[in-house]
PDB file of N, CA and C in Angstrom:
ATOM      1  N   MET A   1       9.999   7.402  -7.904  1.00  0.00           N
ATOM      2  CA  MET A   1       9.670   6.037  -8.256  1.00  0.00           C
ATOM      3  C   MET A   1       9.930   5.850  -9.734  1.00  0.00           C
ATOM      4  N   LYS A   2      10.500   4.714 -10.056  1.00  0.00           N
ATOM      5  CA  LYS A   2      10.789   4.390 -11.436  1.00  0.00           C
ATOM      6  C   LYS A   2       9.763   3.380 -11.943  1.00  0.00           C
ATOM      7  N   ASN A   3       9.573   3.341 -13.253  1.00  0.00           N
ATOM      8  CA  ASN A   3       8.677   2.349 -13.834  1.00  0.00           C
ATOM      9  C   ASN A   3       9.090   0.944 -13.453  1.00  0.00           C
ATOM     10  N   SER A   4      10.400   0.739 -13.292  1.00  0.00           N
ATOM     11  CA  SER A   4      10.876  -0.599 -12.936  1.00  0.00           C
ATOM     12  C   SER A   4      10.364  -1.023 -11.563  1.00  0.00           C
ATOM     13  N   ASP A   5      10.101  -0.060 -10.659  1.00  0.00           N
ATOM     14  CA  ASP A   5       9.536  -0.390  -9.350  1.00  0.00           C
ATOM     15  C   ASP A   5       8.145  -0.976  -9.501  1.00  0.00           C
ATOM     16  N   VAL A   6       7.334  -0.348 -10.335  1.00  0.00           N
ATOM     17  CA  VAL A   6       5.983  -0.842 -10.583  1.00  0.00           C
ATOM     18  C   VAL A   6       6.060  -2.196 -11.279  1.00  0.00           C
ATOM     19  N   ASP A   7       6.970  -2.312 -12.239  1.00  0.00           N
ATOM     20  CA  ASP A   7       7.140  -3.583 -12.952  1.00  0.00           C
ATOM     21  C   ASP A   7       7.563  -4.699 -12.000  1.00  0.00           C
ATOM     22  N   THR A   8       8.463  -4.389 -11.089  1.00  0.00           N
ATOM     23  CA  THR A   8       8.911  -5.392 -10.116  1.00  0.00           C
ATOM     24  C   THR A   8       7.755  -5.872  -9.255  1.00  0.00           C
ATOM     25  N   VAL A   9       6.959  -4.942  -8.744  1.00  0.00           N
ATOM     26  CA  VAL A   9       5.805  -5.312  -7.919  1.00  0.00           C
ATOM     27  C   VAL A   9       4.813  -6.126  -8.746  1.00  0.00           C
ATOM     28  N   SER A  10       4.541  -5.691  -9.962  1.00  0.00           N
ATOM     29  CA  SER A  10       3.611  -6.414 -10.837  1.00  0.00           C
ATOM     30  C   SER A  10       4.105  -7.832 -11.112  1.00  0.00           C
ATOM     31  N   ASN A  11       5.393  -7.976 -11.353  1.00  0.00           N
ATOM     32  CA  ASN A  11       5.955  -9.308 -11.602  1.00  0.00           C
ATOM     33  C   ASN A  11       5.868 -10.203 -10.371  1.00  0.00           C
ATOM     34  N   LEU A  12       6.109  -9.646  -9.209  1.00  0.00           N
ATOM     35  CA  LEU A  12       5.986 -10.431  -7.975  1.00  0.00           C
ATOM     36  C   LEU A  12       4.546 -10.885  -7.760  1.00  0.00           C
ATOM     37  N   ILE A  13       3.614 -10.004  -8.044  1.00  0.00           N
ATOM     38  CA  ILE A  13       2.202 -10.353  -7.901  1.00  0.00           C
ATOM     39  C   ILE A  13       1.847 -11.475  -8.872  1.00  0.00           C
ATOM     40  N   LYS A  14       2.347 -11.379 -10.094  1.00  0.00           N
ATOM     41  CA  LYS A  14       2.068 -12.411 -11.107  1.00  0.00           C
ATOM     42  C   LYS A  14       2.601 -13.778 -10.694  1.00  0.00           C
ATOM     43  N   THR A  15       3.678 -13.812  -9.923  1.00  0.00           N
ATOM     44  CA  THR A  15       4.242 -15.092  -9.483  1.00  0.00           C
ATOM     45  C   THR A  15       3.427 -15.705  -8.349  1.00  0.00           C
ATOM     46  N   GLY A  16       2.463 -14.949  -7.843  1.00  0.00           N
ATOM     47  CA  GLY A  16       1.598 -15.481  -6.798  1.00  0.00           C
ATOM     48  C   GLY A  16       1.993 -15.091  -5.391  1.00  0.00           C
ATOM     49  N   ILE A  17       2.910 -14.165  -5.259  1.00  0.00           N
ATOM     50  CA  ILE A  17       3.314 -13.735  -3.916  1.00  0.00           C
ATOM     51  C   ILE A  17       2.109 -13.118  -3.189  1.00  0.00           C
ATOM     52  N   ASP A  18       2.009 -13.380  -1.921  1.00  0.00           N
ATOM     53  CA  ASP A  18       0.914 -12.859  -1.103  1.00  0.00           C
ATOM     54  C   ASP A  18       1.148 -11.371  -0.858  1.00  0.00           C
ATOM     55  N   PRO A  19       0.239 -10.498  -1.333  1.00  0.00           N
ATOM     56  CA  PRO A  19       0.441  -9.060  -1.139  1.00  0.00           C
ATOM     57  C   PRO A  19       0.250  -8.611   0.308  1.00  0.00           C
ATOM     58  N   ASN A  20      -0.166  -9.526   1.166  1.00  0.00           N
ATOM     59  CA  ASN A  20      -0.411  -9.175   2.567  1.00  0.00           C
ATOM     60  C   ASN A  20       0.689  -9.649   3.513  1.00  0.00           C
ATOM     61  N   ILE A  21       1.794 -10.117   2.965  1.00  0.00           N
ATOM     62  CA  ILE A  21       2.911 -10.546   3.815  1.00  0.00           C
ATOM     63  C   ILE A  21       3.375  -9.352   4.648  1.00  0.00           C
ATOM     64  N   GLN A  22       3.603  -9.611   5.923  1.00  0.00           N
ATOM     65  CA  GLN A  22       4.066  -8.558   6.820  1.00  0.00           C
ATOM     66  C   GLN A  22       5.539  -8.759   7.134  1.00  0.00           C
ATOM     67  N   GLY A  23       6.278  -7.669   7.058  1.00  0.00           N
ATOM     68  CA  GLY A  23       7.708  -7.712   7.321  1.00  0.00           C
ATOM     69  C   GLY A  23       8.064  -6.969   8.590  1.00  0.00           C
ATOM     70  N   TYR A  24       9.097  -6.155   8.493  1.00  0.00           N
ATOM     71  CA  TYR A  24       9.602  -5.386   9.624  1.00  0.00           C
ATOM     72  C   TYR A  24       8.478  -4.586  10.283  1.00  0.00           C
ATOM     73  N   LEU A  25       8.344  -4.707  11.585  1.00  0.00           N
ATOM     74  CA  LEU A  25       7.301  -4.060  12.377  1.00  0.00           C
ATOM     75  C   LEU A  25       5.898  -4.465  11.915  1.00  0.00           C
ATOM     76  N   SER A  26       5.819  -5.610  11.237  1.00  0.00           N
ATOM     77  CA  SER A  26       4.554  -6.143  10.728  1.00  0.00           C
ATOM     78  C   SER A  26       3.921  -5.253   9.670  1.00  0.00           C
ATOM     79  N   ARG A  27       4.746  -4.528   8.943  1.00  0.00           N
ATOM     80  CA  ARG A  27       4.232  -3.658   7.880  1.00  0.00           C
ATOM     81  C   ARG A  27       4.128  -4.419   6.569  1.00  0.00           C
ATOM     82  N   THR A  28       3.116  -4.044   5.779  1.00  0.00           N
ATOM     83  CA  THR A  28       2.903  -4.668   4.476  1.00  0.00           C
ATOM     84  C   THR A  28       3.438  -3.760   3.377  1.00  0.00           C
ATOM     85  N   ALA A  29       3.527  -4.316   2.179  1.00  0.00           N
ATOM     86  CA  ALA A  29       3.957  -3.528   1.024  1.00  0.00           C
ATOM     87  C   ALA A  29       2.988  -2.376   0.790  1.00  0.00           C
ATOM     88  N   LEU A  30       1.700  -2.602   1.044  1.00  0.00           N
ATOM     89  CA  LEU A  30       0.710  -1.544   0.865  1.00  0.00           C
ATOM     90  C   LEU A  30       0.965  -0.383   1.828  1.00  0.00           C
ATOM     91  N   MET A  31       1.334  -0.691   3.043  1.00  0.00           N
ATOM     92  CA  MET A  31       1.658   0.363   4.009  1.00  0.00           C
ATOM     93  C   MET A  31       2.853   1.178   3.531  1.00  0.00           C
ATOM     94  N   LEU A  32       3.891   0.476   3.091  1.00  0.00           N
ATOM     95  CA  LEU A  32       5.105   1.168   2.650  1.00  0.00           C
ATOM     96  C   LEU A  32       4.838   2.014   1.412  1.00  0.00           C
ATOM     97  N   ALA A  33       4.071   1.482   0.473  1.00  0.00           N
ATOM     98  CA  ALA A  33       3.739   2.239  -0.738  1.00  0.00           C
ATOM     99  C   ALA A  33       2.875   3.451  -0.394  1.00  0.00           C
ATOM    100  N   SER A  34       1.983   3.300   0.576  1.00  0.00           N
ATOM    101  CA  SER A  34       1.116   4.408   0.996  1.00  0.00           C
ATOM    102  C   SER A  34       1.919   5.519   1.657  1.00  0.00           C
ATOM    103  N   MET A  35       2.895   5.140   2.471  1.00  0.00           N
ATOM    104  CA  MET A  35       3.762   6.124   3.122  1.00  0.00           C
ATOM    105  C   MET A  35       4.578   6.894   2.100  1.00  0.00           C
ATOM    106  N   SER A  36       4.976   6.205   1.044  1.00  0.00           N
ATOM    107  CA  SER A  36       5.898   6.775   0.062  1.00  0.00           C
ATOM    108  C   SER A  36       5.220   7.408  -1.148  1.00  0.00           C
ATOM    109  N   ARG A  37       3.919   7.499  -1.133  1.00  0.00           N
ATOM    110  CA  ARG A  37       3.124   8.101  -2.213  1.00  0.00           C
ATOM    111  C   ARG A  37       3.306   7.392  -3.557  1.00  0.00           C
ATOM    112  N   HIS A  38       3.421   6.091  -3.535  1.00  0.00           N
ATOM    113  CA  HIS A  38       3.575   5.322  -4.769  1.00  0.00           C
ATOM    114  C   HIS A  38       2.197   4.873  -5.246  1.00  0.00           C
ATOM    115  N   LYS A  39       1.490   5.783  -5.883  1.00  0.00           N
ATOM    116  CA  LYS A  39       0.106   5.545  -6.309  1.00  0.00           C
ATOM    117  C   LYS A  39      -0.047   4.279  -7.151  1.00  0.00           C
ATOM    118  N   GLU A  40       0.813   4.115  -8.159  1.00  0.00           N
ATOM    119  CA  GLU A  40       0.685   2.965  -9.054  1.00  0.00           C
ATOM    120  C   GLU A  40       0.901   1.649  -8.320  1.00  0.00           C
ATOM    121  N   ILE A  41       1.802   1.649  -7.359  1.00  0.00           N
ATOM    122  CA  ILE A  41       2.051   0.432  -6.583  1.00  0.00           C
ATOM    123  C   ILE A  41       0.884   0.172  -5.641  1.00  0.00           C
ATOM    124  N   VAL A  42       0.346   1.210  -5.019  1.00  0.00           N
ATOM    125  CA  VAL A  42      -0.838   1.059  -4.169  1.00  0.00           C
ATOM    126  C   VAL A  42      -1.968   0.434  -4.984  1.00  0.00           C
ATOM    127  N   GLU A  43      -2.203   0.966  -6.166  1.00  0.00           N
ATOM    128  CA  GLU A  43      -3.278   0.448  -7.015  1.00  0.00           C
ATOM    129  C   GLU A  43      -3.025  -1.002  -7.421  1.00  0.00           C
ATOM    130  N   ALA A  44      -1.781  -1.333  -7.772  1.00  0.00           N
ATOM    131  CA  ALA A  44      -1.452  -2.708  -8.165  1.00  0.00           C
ATOM    132  C   ALA A  44      -1.660  -3.675  -7.000  1.00  0.00           C
ATOM    133  N   LEU A  45      -1.241  -3.279  -5.818  1.00  0.00           N
ATOM    134  CA  LEU A  45      -1.409  -4.137  -4.645  1.00  0.00           C
ATOM    135  C   LEU A  45      -2.883  -4.331  -4.298  1.00  0.00           C
ATOM    136  N   LEU A  46      -3.665  -3.269  -4.373  1.00  0.00           N
ATOM    137  CA  LEU A  46      -5.097  -3.390  -4.091  1.00  0.00           C
ATOM    138  C   LEU A  46      -5.786  -4.278  -5.126  1.00  0.00           C
ATOM    139  N   LYS A  47      -5.373  -4.145  -6.369  1.00  0.00           N
ATOM    140  CA  LYS A  47      -5.929  -4.986  -7.440  1.00  0.00           C
ATOM    141  C   LYS A  47      -5.602  -6.456  -7.174  1.00  0.00           C
ATOM    142  N   ALA A  48      -4.468  -6.718  -6.532  1.00  0.00           N
ATOM    143  CA  ALA A  48      -4.045  -8.076  -6.188  1.00  0.00           C
ATOM    144  C   ALA A  48      -4.611  -8.526  -4.847  1.00  0.00           C
ATOM    145  N   ASN A  49      -5.619  -7.810  -4.354  1.00  0.00           N
ATOM    146  CA  ASN A  49      -6.312  -8.140  -3.103  1.00  0.00           C
ATOM    147  C   ASN A  49      -5.515  -7.875  -1.833  1.00  0.00           C
ATOM    148  N   ALA A  50      -4.654  -6.883  -1.871  1.00  0.00           N
ATOM    149  CA  ALA A  50      -3.992  -6.468  -0.633  1.00  0.00           C
ATOM    150  C   ALA A  50      -5.070  -5.917   0.303  1.00  0.00           C
ATOM    151  N   ASP A  51      -4.993  -6.277   1.546  1.00  0.00           N
ATOM    152  CA  ASP A  51      -5.977  -5.861   2.540  1.00  0.00           C
ATOM    153  C   ASP A  51      -5.570  -4.505   3.131  1.00  0.00           C
ATOM    154  N   PRO A  52      -6.356  -3.451   2.871  1.00  0.00           N
ATOM    155  CA  PRO A  52      -5.980  -2.135   3.389  1.00  0.00           C
ATOM    156  C   PRO A  52      -6.205  -1.969   4.892  1.00  0.00           C
ATOM    157  N   ASN A  53      -6.804  -2.963   5.525  1.00  0.00           N
ATOM    158  CA  ASN A  53      -7.118  -2.842   6.949  1.00  0.00           C
ATOM    159  C   ASN A  53      -6.210  -3.657   7.866  1.00  0.00           C
ATOM    160  N   ILE A  54      -5.177  -4.273   7.304  1.00  0.00           N
ATOM    161  CA  ILE A  54      -4.209  -4.976   8.145  1.00  0.00           C
ATOM    162  C   ILE A  54      -3.481  -3.946   8.999  1.00  0.00           C
ATOM    163  N   GLU A  55      -3.241  -4.313  10.261  1.00  0.00           N
ATOM    164  CA  GLU A  55      -2.541  -3.418  11.182  1.00  0.00           C
ATOM    165  C   GLU A  55      -1.107  -3.889  11.392  1.00  0.00           C
ATOM    166  N   ASP A  56      -0.222  -2.921  11.565  1.00  0.00           N
ATOM    167  CA  ASP A  56       1.160  -3.262  11.890  1.00  0.00           C
ATOM    168  C   ASP A  56       1.293  -3.490  13.390  1.00  0.00           C
ATOM    169  N   LYS A  57       2.497  -3.677  13.846  1.00  0.00           N
ATOM    170  CA  LYS A  57       2.787  -3.951  15.254  1.00  0.00           C
ATOM    171  C   LYS A  57       2.204  -2.880  16.191  1.00  0.00           C
ATOM    172  N   ASN A  58       2.086  -1.660  15.690  1.00  0.00           N
ATOM    173  CA  ASN A  58       1.606  -0.547  16.519  1.00  0.00           C
ATOM    174  C   ASN A  58       0.149  -0.188  16.264  1.00  0.00           C
ATOM    175  N   GLY A  59      -0.549  -1.002  15.477  1.00  0.00           N
ATOM    176  CA  GLY A  59      -1.962  -0.749  15.213  1.00  0.00           C
ATOM    177  C   GLY A  59      -2.219   0.199  14.048  1.00  0.00           C
ATOM    178  N   ASN A  60      -1.184   0.534  13.295  1.00  0.00           N
ATOM    179  CA  ASN A  60      -1.350   1.429  12.144  1.00  0.00           C
ATOM    180  C   ASN A  60      -1.739   0.654  10.895  1.00  0.00           C
ATOM    181  N   THR A  61      -2.518   1.298  10.032  1.00  0.00           N
ATOM    182  CA  THR A  61      -2.905   0.720   8.747  1.00  0.00           C
ATOM    183  C   THR A  61      -2.331   1.583   7.626  1.00  0.00           C
ATOM    184  N   ALA A  62      -2.483   1.113   6.395  1.00  0.00           N
ATOM    185  CA  ALA A  62      -2.029   1.896   5.243  1.00  0.00           C
ATOM    186  C   ALA A  62      -2.725   3.260   5.232  1.00  0.00           C
ATOM    187  N   LEU A  63      -4.001   3.289   5.586  1.00  0.00           N
ATOM    188  CA  LEU A  63      -4.754   4.544   5.612  1.00  0.00           C
ATOM    189  C   LEU A  63      -4.188   5.503   6.662  1.00  0.00           C
ATOM    190  N   ILE A  64      -3.863   4.990   7.807  1.00  0.00           N
ATOM    191  CA  ILE A  64      -3.286   5.838   8.857  1.00  0.00           C
ATOM    192  C   ILE A  64      -1.960   6.438   8.386  1.00  0.00           C
ATOM    193  N   PHE A  65      -1.132   5.618   7.752  1.00  0.00           N
ATOM    194  CA  PHE A  65       0.144   6.136   7.254  1.00  0.00           C
ATOM    195  C   PHE A  65      -0.080   7.207   6.193  1.00  0.00           C
ATOM    196  N   ALA A  66      -0.979   6.954   5.253  1.00  0.00           N
ATOM    197  CA  ALA A  66      -1.236   7.929   4.185  1.00  0.00           C
ATOM    198  C   ALA A  66      -1.846   9.213   4.751  1.00  0.00           C
ATOM    199  N   ALA A  67      -2.733   9.082   5.715  1.00  0.00           N
ATOM    200  CA  ALA A  67      -3.402  10.251   6.288  1.00  0.00           C
ATOM    201  C   ALA A  67      -2.494  11.037   7.231  1.00  0.00           C
ATOM    202  N   SER A  68      -1.400  10.450   7.648  1.00  0.00           N
ATOM    203  CA  SER A  68      -0.477  11.124   8.566  1.00  0.00           C
ATOM    204  C   SER A  68       0.305  12.244   7.894  1.00  0.00           C
ATOM    205  N   TYR A  69       0.271  12.265   6.591  1.00  0.00           N
ATOM    206  CA  TYR A  69       0.986  13.281   5.824  1.00  0.00           C
ATOM    207  C   TYR A  69      -0.033  14.198   5.165  1.00  0.00           C
ATOM    208  N   SER A  70       0.343  15.435   4.911  1.00  0.00           N
ATOM    209  CA  SER A  70      -0.620  16.391   4.348  1.00  0.00           C
ATOM    210  C   SER A  70      -0.247  16.836   2.940  1.00  0.00           C
ATOM    211  N   THR A  71       0.521  16.031   2.242  1.00  0.00           N
ATOM    212  CA  THR A  71       0.902  16.414   0.887  1.00  0.00           C
ATOM    213  C   THR A  71      -0.141  15.937  -0.115  1.00  0.00           C
ATOM    214  N   LYS A  72      -0.155  16.560  -1.283  1.00  0.00           N
ATOM    215  CA  LYS A  72      -1.133  16.223  -2.306  1.00  0.00           C
ATOM    216  C   LYS A  72      -1.104  14.741  -2.659  1.00  0.00           C
ATOM    217  N   GLY A  73       0.057  14.181  -2.810  1.00  0.00           N
ATOM    218  CA  GLY A  73       0.165  12.770  -3.150  1.00  0.00           C
ATOM    219  C   GLY A  73      -0.467  11.860  -2.120  1.00  0.00           C
ATOM    220  N   HIS A  74      -0.328  12.213  -0.854  1.00  0.00           N
ATOM    221  CA  HIS A  74      -0.912  11.394   0.198  1.00  0.00           C
ATOM    222  C   HIS A  74      -2.431  11.521   0.219  1.00  0.00           C
ATOM    223  N   GLU A  75      -2.956  12.690  -0.093  1.00  0.00           N
ATOM    224  CA  GLU A  75      -4.412  12.853  -0.135  1.00  0.00           C
ATOM    225  C   GLU A  75      -5.018  11.944  -1.197  1.00  0.00           C
ATOM    226  N   GLU A  76      -4.341  11.806  -2.317  1.00  0.00           N
ATOM    227  CA  GLU A  76      -4.816  10.931  -3.382  1.00  0.00           C
ATOM    228  C   GLU A  76      -4.765   9.470  -2.934  1.00  0.00           C
ATOM    229  N   ILE A  77      -3.724   9.098  -2.226  1.00  0.00           N
ATOM    230  CA  ILE A  77      -3.607   7.731  -1.705  1.00  0.00           C
ATOM    231  C   ILE A  77      -4.731   7.454  -0.712  1.00  0.00           C
ATOM    232  N   VAL A  78      -5.050   8.419   0.131  1.00  0.00           N
ATOM    233  CA  VAL A  78      -6.149   8.261   1.093  1.00  0.00           C
ATOM    234  C   VAL A  78      -7.444   7.955   0.347  1.00  0.00           C
ATOM    235  N   LYS A  79      -7.728   8.685  -0.703  1.00  0.00           N
ATOM    236  CA  LYS A  79      -8.947   8.457  -1.491  1.00  0.00           C
ATOM    237  C   LYS A  79      -8.966   7.059  -2.091  1.00  0.00           C
ATOM    238  N   ILE A  80      -7.849   6.627  -2.631  1.00  0.00           N
ATOM    239  CA  ILE A  80      -7.752   5.301  -3.241  1.00  0.00           C
ATOM    240  C   ILE A  80      -7.993   4.220  -2.191  1.00  0.00           C
ATOM    241  N   LEU A  81      -7.373   4.371  -1.023  1.00  0.00           N
ATOM    242  CA  LEU A  81      -7.526   3.391   0.044  1.00  0.00           C
ATOM    243  C   LEU A  81      -8.969   3.331   0.551  1.00  0.00           C
ATOM    244  N   LYS A  82      -9.589   4.498   0.728  1.00  0.00           N
ATOM    245  CA  LYS A  82     -10.971   4.524   1.204  1.00  0.00           C
ATOM    246  C   LYS A  82     -11.909   3.855   0.180  1.00  0.00           C
ATOM    247  N   LYS A  83     -11.656   4.120  -1.076  1.00  0.00           N
ATOM    248  CA  LYS A  83     -12.470   3.499  -2.139  1.00  0.00           C
ATOM    249  C   LYS A  83     -12.326   1.977  -2.101  1.00  0.00           C
ATOM    250  N   ALA A  84     -11.163   1.500  -1.657  1.00  0.00           N
ATOM    251  CA  ALA A  84     -10.900   0.059  -1.566  1.00  0.00           C
ATOM    252  C   ALA A  84     -11.403  -0.548  -0.261  1.00  0.00           C
ATOM    253  N   GLY A  85     -12.049   0.248   0.571  1.00  0.00           N
ATOM    254  CA  GLY A  85     -12.628  -0.269   1.808  1.00  0.00           C
ATOM    255  C   GLY A  85     -11.821  -0.049   3.058  1.00  0.00           C
ATOM    256  N   ALA A  86     -10.790   0.777   2.982  1.00  0.00           N
ATOM    257  CA  ALA A  86     -10.000   1.058   4.178  1.00  0.00           C
ATOM    258  C   ALA A  86     -10.849   1.787   5.209  1.00  0.00           C
ATOM    259  N   LYS A  87     -10.630   1.422   6.472  1.00  0.00           N
ATOM    260  CA  LYS A  87     -11.397   2.024   7.574  1.00  0.00           C
ATOM    261  C   LYS A  87     -10.485   2.769   8.510  1.00  0.00           C
TER     262      LYS A  87
END
């Protein structure tokens, strides 16, 4: 991940974009960032009121995606999501 990725997300949030918009397979930016271990983007989205409990087309949440992996980066994302109220 590059700093420009975080900057891009931050700029989109500043323009008022809804952080809970669902795209392909009804996934949100928070889900994608959680899958990809993008801690700074996860934090920025949560700060912008992204809902960690939105489900995709298959019933998965950002927490489920983060918990599906066993790498150190994903464990940290799981903690961040749980602190934000993910169930």
